[in-house]
Every structure is written in C-alpha cells, then in structure tokens.
Amino acid sequence: MYDENIETTTSNSTDPLLGLDNVISWVAVENRLPDELETVWISNGKGWTTLGCIIYADGGCHWAETNGVIYQEDGKIVSECESDDLDVKFWYRLPEPPCL
C-alpha cells in the first residue's frame, strides 16, 4: 500500500557520484524509517541497492540485507534477511503483490 504521507527525498544535485537526481520517491533514512522487519528496497545512494529490513536490538537499530529468499506472506512481499550493519541512506517500500 502506498502511503502519501511519507516524506520523499529529491535533490537538484548534479554530482554524478551521488546520483541524487534518481532518488525521487525514495525516503532518506534521516527523514523516516520503515517498520521493523518490513522488507523494503535499500540503497546507499552510490550504486548499491538490494532488499533488506531494519532491526531494532540492544537499544539501537541496524540494517539487514536479503539472503535471496523472497516470498509472499499475508499479502506482502517479504524476504529473509541476514543481520549486517549496512550503510543505508535511502529506502523504498515494495508494491503489494498481484492478486490471483
């Protein structure tokens, strides 16, 4: 489900290393975080993108990336993620899977 109230990140930067002109509709982690364990696209904004989720533990949070197992559960696309402390700068919600 698309949430129109999510703040999105846009930039007029022309720095080719950052590629920020391409992050329209992606959410900057400094603006908002996804729900815990919600599978989302994650990116460092420098050419690395994968599926992952955020995990809260030990009074803090860290990002985990997919281990490649992706499936549908309770009307959502989900992925098994392995704990890792990733340098995530942006995230993007997955679409709802098609109904058959």
N, C-alpha and C. Protein backbone atom coordinates (compact mmCIF):
# COMPACT_ATOMS: atom_id res chain seq x y z
N MET A 1 0.84 -1.17 0.00
CA MET A 1 0.00 0.00 0.00
C MET A 1 0.89 1.24 0.00
N TYR A 2 0.58 2.20 -0.84
CA TYR A 2 1.35 3.43 -0.95
C TYR A 2 0.86 4.43 0.09
N ASP A 3 1.76 5.00 0.83
CA ASP A 3 1.42 5.97 1.87
C ASP A 3 1.79 7.36 1.38
N GLU A 4 0.79 8.17 1.05
CA GLU A 4 1.04 9.51 0.52
C GLU A 4 1.65 10.44 1.55
N ASN A 5 1.63 10.07 2.82
CA ASN A 5 2.16 10.92 3.87
C ASN A 5 3.66 10.72 4.11
N ILE A 6 4.26 9.76 3.42
CA ILE A 6 5.69 9.53 3.60
C ILE A 6 6.46 10.67 2.96
N GLU A 7 7.43 11.20 3.70
CA GLU A 7 8.28 12.23 3.14
C GLU A 7 9.22 11.58 2.14
N THR A 8 9.35 12.21 0.98
CA THR A 8 10.26 11.68 -0.02
C THR A 8 11.44 12.62 -0.17
N THR A 9 12.48 12.12 -0.76
CA THR A 9 13.70 12.88 -0.92
C THR A 9 13.90 13.21 -2.38
N THR A 10 14.15 14.47 -2.65
CA THR A 10 14.50 14.87 -4.00
C THR A 10 15.72 15.77 -3.90
N SER A 11 16.41 15.92 -4.99
CA SER A 11 17.61 16.73 -4.98
C SER A 11 17.83 17.32 -6.35
N ASN A 12 18.43 18.49 -6.36
CA ASN A 12 18.83 19.11 -7.61
C ASN A 12 20.32 18.93 -7.84
N SER A 13 20.96 18.11 -7.03
CA SER A 13 22.39 17.86 -7.13
C SER A 13 22.73 17.26 -8.48
N THR A 14 23.84 17.70 -9.04
CA THR A 14 24.29 17.12 -10.30
C THR A 14 25.56 16.31 -10.08
N ASP A 15 25.90 16.02 -8.85
CA ASP A 15 27.08 15.22 -8.53
C ASP A 15 26.88 13.80 -9.03
N PRO A 16 27.62 13.38 -10.08
CA PRO A 16 27.41 12.04 -10.65
C PRO A 16 27.77 10.92 -9.69
N LEU A 17 28.60 11.18 -8.69
CA LEU A 17 28.96 10.14 -7.74
C LEU A 17 27.81 9.84 -6.79
N LEU A 18 27.02 10.84 -6.48
CA LEU A 18 25.90 10.64 -5.57
C LEU A 18 24.66 10.19 -6.30
N GLY A 19 24.46 10.62 -7.53
CA GLY A 19 23.30 10.21 -8.31
C GLY A 19 21.99 10.60 -7.65
N LEU A 20 21.96 11.70 -6.93
CA LEU A 20 20.78 12.05 -6.15
C LEU A 20 19.59 12.45 -7.00
N ASP A 21 19.79 12.76 -8.27
CA ASP A 21 18.65 13.08 -9.13
C ASP A 21 17.73 11.88 -9.31
N ASN A 22 18.22 10.69 -9.00
CA ASN A 22 17.45 9.47 -9.20
C ASN A 22 16.76 8.96 -7.94
N VAL A 23 16.77 9.72 -6.86
CA VAL A 23 16.19 9.21 -5.62
C VAL A 23 14.79 9.78 -5.34
N ILE A 24 14.16 10.37 -6.35
CA ILE A 24 12.80 10.86 -6.16
C ILE A 24 11.92 9.68 -5.76
N SER A 25 11.13 9.84 -4.73
CA SER A 25 10.23 8.85 -4.16
C SER A 25 10.93 7.89 -3.20
N TRP A 26 12.23 7.91 -3.12
CA TRP A 26 12.93 7.14 -2.11
C TRP A 26 12.91 7.98 -0.83
N VAL A 27 12.90 7.32 0.31
CA VAL A 27 12.85 8.01 1.59
C VAL A 27 14.25 8.02 2.19
N ALA A 28 14.72 9.18 2.58
CA ALA A 28 16.02 9.28 3.25
C ALA A 28 15.87 8.76 4.68
N VAL A 29 16.84 7.95 5.12
CA VAL A 29 16.74 7.39 6.47
C VAL A 29 16.76 8.47 7.54
N GLU A 30 17.30 9.62 7.22
CA GLU A 30 17.30 10.72 8.18
C GLU A 30 15.90 11.34 8.35
N ASN A 31 15.00 11.09 7.38
CA ASN A 31 13.64 11.62 7.45
C ASN A 31 12.66 10.66 8.10
N ARG A 32 12.81 9.38 7.81
CA ARG A 32 11.87 8.38 8.33
C ARG A 32 12.43 6.98 8.10
N LEU A 33 12.09 6.07 8.97
CA LEU A 33 12.50 4.67 8.84
C LEU A 33 11.28 3.80 8.58
N PRO A 34 11.47 2.67 7.91
CA PRO A 34 10.34 1.74 7.70
C PRO A 34 10.02 1.03 9.01
N ASP A 35 8.92 0.30 9.03
CA ASP A 35 8.58 -0.51 10.18
C ASP A 35 9.63 -1.59 10.37
N GLU A 36 9.82 -2.00 11.61
CA GLU A 36 10.78 -3.06 11.90
C GLU A 36 10.41 -4.33 11.12
N LEU A 37 11.39 -4.95 10.51
CA LEU A 37 11.28 -6.19 9.74
C LEU A 37 10.48 -6.06 8.45
N GLU A 38 10.06 -4.86 8.08
CA GLU A 38 9.37 -4.65 6.80
C GLU A 38 10.39 -4.75 5.67
N THR A 39 10.16 -5.64 4.72
CA THR A 39 11.07 -5.77 3.59
C THR A 39 10.90 -4.58 2.67
N VAL A 40 12.00 -3.88 2.40
CA VAL A 40 12.00 -2.69 1.54
C VAL A 40 13.25 -2.73 0.66
N TRP A 41 13.23 -1.93 -0.41
CA TRP A 41 14.45 -1.71 -1.16
C TRP A 41 15.34 -0.82 -0.31
N ILE A 42 16.62 -1.10 -0.25
CA ILE A 42 17.56 -0.24 0.48
C ILE A 42 18.72 0.12 -0.44
N SER A 43 19.29 1.30 -0.23
CA SER A 43 20.38 1.77 -1.08
C SER A 43 21.30 2.69 -0.30
N ASN A 44 22.56 2.69 -0.69
CA ASN A 44 23.50 3.66 -0.11
C ASN A 44 23.54 4.93 -0.95
N GLY A 45 22.81 4.97 -2.06
CA GLY A 45 22.79 6.14 -2.93
C GLY A 45 24.01 6.27 -3.80
N LYS A 46 24.86 5.24 -3.81
CA LYS A 46 26.11 5.30 -4.58
C LYS A 46 26.23 4.10 -5.52
N GLY A 47 25.08 3.51 -5.93
CA GLY A 47 25.12 2.41 -6.88
C GLY A 47 24.86 1.04 -6.28
N TRP A 48 24.69 0.94 -4.99
CA TRP A 48 24.39 -0.34 -4.34
C TRP A 48 22.94 -0.33 -3.89
N THR A 49 22.14 -1.32 -4.34
CA THR A 49 20.74 -1.44 -3.97
C THR A 49 20.40 -2.91 -3.80
N THR A 50 19.61 -3.22 -2.77
CA THR A 50 19.17 -4.59 -2.52
C THR A 50 17.91 -4.55 -1.68
N LEU A 51 17.33 -5.70 -1.44
CA LEU A 51 16.22 -5.78 -0.49
C LEU A 51 16.79 -5.95 0.91
N GLY A 52 16.09 -5.42 1.89
CA GLY A 52 16.53 -5.55 3.26
C GLY A 52 15.46 -5.09 4.23
N CYS A 53 15.84 -5.02 5.49
CA CYS A 53 14.92 -4.54 6.52
C CYS A 53 15.73 -3.93 7.66
N ILE A 54 15.04 -3.24 8.53
CA ILE A 54 15.69 -2.66 9.70
C ILE A 54 15.32 -3.49 10.92
N ILE A 55 16.29 -3.66 11.80
CA ILE A 55 16.11 -4.48 13.00
C ILE A 55 16.48 -3.63 14.21
N TYR A 56 15.61 -3.64 15.21
CA TYR A 56 15.89 -2.93 16.46
C TYR A 56 16.35 -3.94 17.50
N ALA A 57 17.51 -3.69 18.09
CA ALA A 57 18.05 -4.59 19.11
C ALA A 57 19.08 -3.84 19.95
N ASP A 58 19.18 -4.23 21.19
CA ASP A 58 20.19 -3.67 22.10
C ASP A 58 20.14 -2.15 22.16
N GLY A 59 18.94 -1.58 22.16
CA GLY A 59 18.79 -0.14 22.30
C GLY A 59 19.09 0.66 21.04
N GLY A 60 19.31 0.00 19.93
CA GLY A 60 19.60 0.69 18.68
C GLY A 60 18.98 -0.05 17.52
N CYS A 61 19.40 0.33 16.33
CA CYS A 61 18.89 -0.36 15.15
C CYS A 61 20.02 -0.54 14.15
N HIS A 62 19.85 -1.54 13.29
CA HIS A 62 20.78 -1.75 12.20
C HIS A 62 20.03 -2.36 11.03
N TRP A 63 20.64 -2.29 9.86
CA TRP A 63 20.04 -2.79 8.64
C TRP A 63 20.53 -4.19 8.34
N ALA A 64 19.65 -5.02 7.80
CA ALA A 64 19.99 -6.37 7.36
C ALA A 64 19.63 -6.49 5.89
N GLU A 65 20.42 -7.26 5.14
CA GLU A 65 20.12 -7.43 3.72
C GLU A 65 19.61 -8.83 3.42
N THR A 66 18.90 -8.95 2.33
CA THR A 66 18.29 -10.22 1.94
C THR A 66 19.33 -11.31 1.76
N ASN A 67 18.93 -12.52 2.09
CA ASN A 67 19.80 -13.67 1.80
C ASN A 67 19.37 -14.34 0.49
N GLY A 68 18.43 -13.70 -0.22
CA GLY A 68 17.98 -14.20 -1.52
C GLY A 68 16.67 -14.96 -1.48
N VAL A 69 16.16 -15.26 -0.28
CA VAL A 69 14.89 -15.96 -0.15
C VAL A 69 13.78 -14.91 -0.10
N ILE A 70 12.96 -14.87 -1.15
CA ILE A 70 11.89 -13.87 -1.26
C ILE A 70 10.58 -14.61 -1.52
N TYR A 71 9.52 -14.23 -0.81
CA TYR A 71 8.25 -14.93 -0.96
C TYR A 71 7.10 -14.00 -0.55
N GLN A 72 5.87 -14.47 -0.69
CA GLN A 72 4.69 -13.70 -0.27
C GLN A 72 4.15 -14.30 1.02
N GLU A 73 3.76 -13.39 1.93
CA GLU A 73 3.18 -13.82 3.20
C GLU A 73 2.20 -12.74 3.67
N ASP A 74 0.99 -13.14 4.01
CA ASP A 74 -0.03 -12.21 4.50
C ASP A 74 -0.22 -11.01 3.57
N GLY A 75 -0.22 -11.27 2.26
CA GLY A 75 -0.46 -10.21 1.29
C GLY A 75 0.69 -9.25 1.08
N LYS A 76 1.90 -9.63 1.50
CA LYS A 76 3.07 -8.77 1.34
C LYS A 76 4.22 -9.57 0.73
N ILE A 77 5.10 -8.86 0.04
CA ILE A 77 6.35 -9.45 -0.42
C ILE A 77 7.34 -9.33 0.73
N VAL A 78 7.94 -10.45 1.11
CA VAL A 78 8.90 -10.43 2.22
C VAL A 78 10.17 -11.17 1.80
N SER A 79 11.21 -10.91 2.53
CA SER A 79 12.48 -11.56 2.28
C SER A 79 13.12 -11.94 3.59
N GLU A 80 13.77 -13.08 3.61
CA GLU A 80 14.58 -13.43 4.78
C GLU A 80 15.83 -12.57 4.71
N CYS A 81 16.17 -11.95 5.83
CA CYS A 81 17.32 -11.06 5.86
C CYS A 81 18.33 -11.54 6.89
N GLU A 82 19.59 -11.32 6.57
CA GLU A 82 20.67 -11.67 7.48
C GLU A 82 21.22 -10.40 8.09
N SER A 83 21.42 -10.44 9.38
CA SER A 83 21.87 -9.28 10.12
C SER A 83 23.22 -8.79 9.62
N ASP A 84 23.29 -7.51 9.40
CA ASP A 84 24.52 -6.87 8.96
C ASP A 84 24.35 -5.39 9.24
N ASP A 85 25.41 -4.70 9.52
CA ASP A 85 25.31 -3.27 9.75
C ASP A 85 25.70 -2.57 8.46
N LEU A 86 24.70 -2.21 7.67
CA LEU A 86 24.91 -1.64 6.35
C LEU A 86 24.81 -0.12 6.38
N ASP A 87 25.47 0.53 5.43
CA ASP A 87 25.43 1.98 5.31
C ASP A 87 24.28 2.37 4.39
N VAL A 88 23.07 2.30 4.91
CA VAL A 88 21.87 2.59 4.12
C VAL A 88 21.51 4.07 4.27
N LYS A 89 21.31 4.72 3.15
CA LYS A 89 20.94 6.15 3.14
C LYS A 89 19.49 6.37 2.70
N PHE A 90 18.95 5.42 1.88
CA PHE A 90 17.60 5.56 1.34
C PHE A 90 16.88 4.22 1.36
N TRP A 91 15.55 4.27 1.43
CA TRP A 91 14.74 3.06 1.36
C TRP A 91 13.48 3.36 0.57
N TYR A 92 12.85 2.28 0.06
CA TYR A 92 11.67 2.42 -0.79
C TYR A 92 10.74 1.24 -0.54
N ARG A 93 9.47 1.51 -0.27
CA ARG A 93 8.51 0.43 0.01
C ARG A 93 8.27 -0.43 -1.21
N LEU A 94 8.07 -1.72 -0.97
CA LEU A 94 7.73 -2.65 -2.05
C LEU A 94 6.26 -2.52 -2.40
N PRO A 95 5.90 -2.83 -3.64
CA PRO A 95 4.48 -2.82 -4.00
C PRO A 95 3.78 -4.02 -3.41
N GLU A 96 2.47 -3.97 -3.38
CA GLU A 96 1.70 -5.14 -2.98
C GLU A 96 1.79 -6.16 -4.11
N PRO A 97 1.84 -7.45 -3.77
CA PRO A 97 1.88 -8.46 -4.84
C PRO A 97 0.56 -8.50 -5.58
N PRO A 98 0.57 -8.97 -6.83
CA PRO A 98 -0.68 -9.08 -7.57
C PRO A 98 -1.61 -10.12 -6.96
N CYS A 99 -2.88 -9.90 -7.08
CA CYS A 99 -3.88 -10.86 -6.58
C CYS A 99 -4.26 -11.79 -7.71
N LEU A 100 -4.35 -13.07 -7.43
CA LEU A 100 -4.76 -14.04 -8.45
C LEU A 100 -6.08 -14.65 -8.08
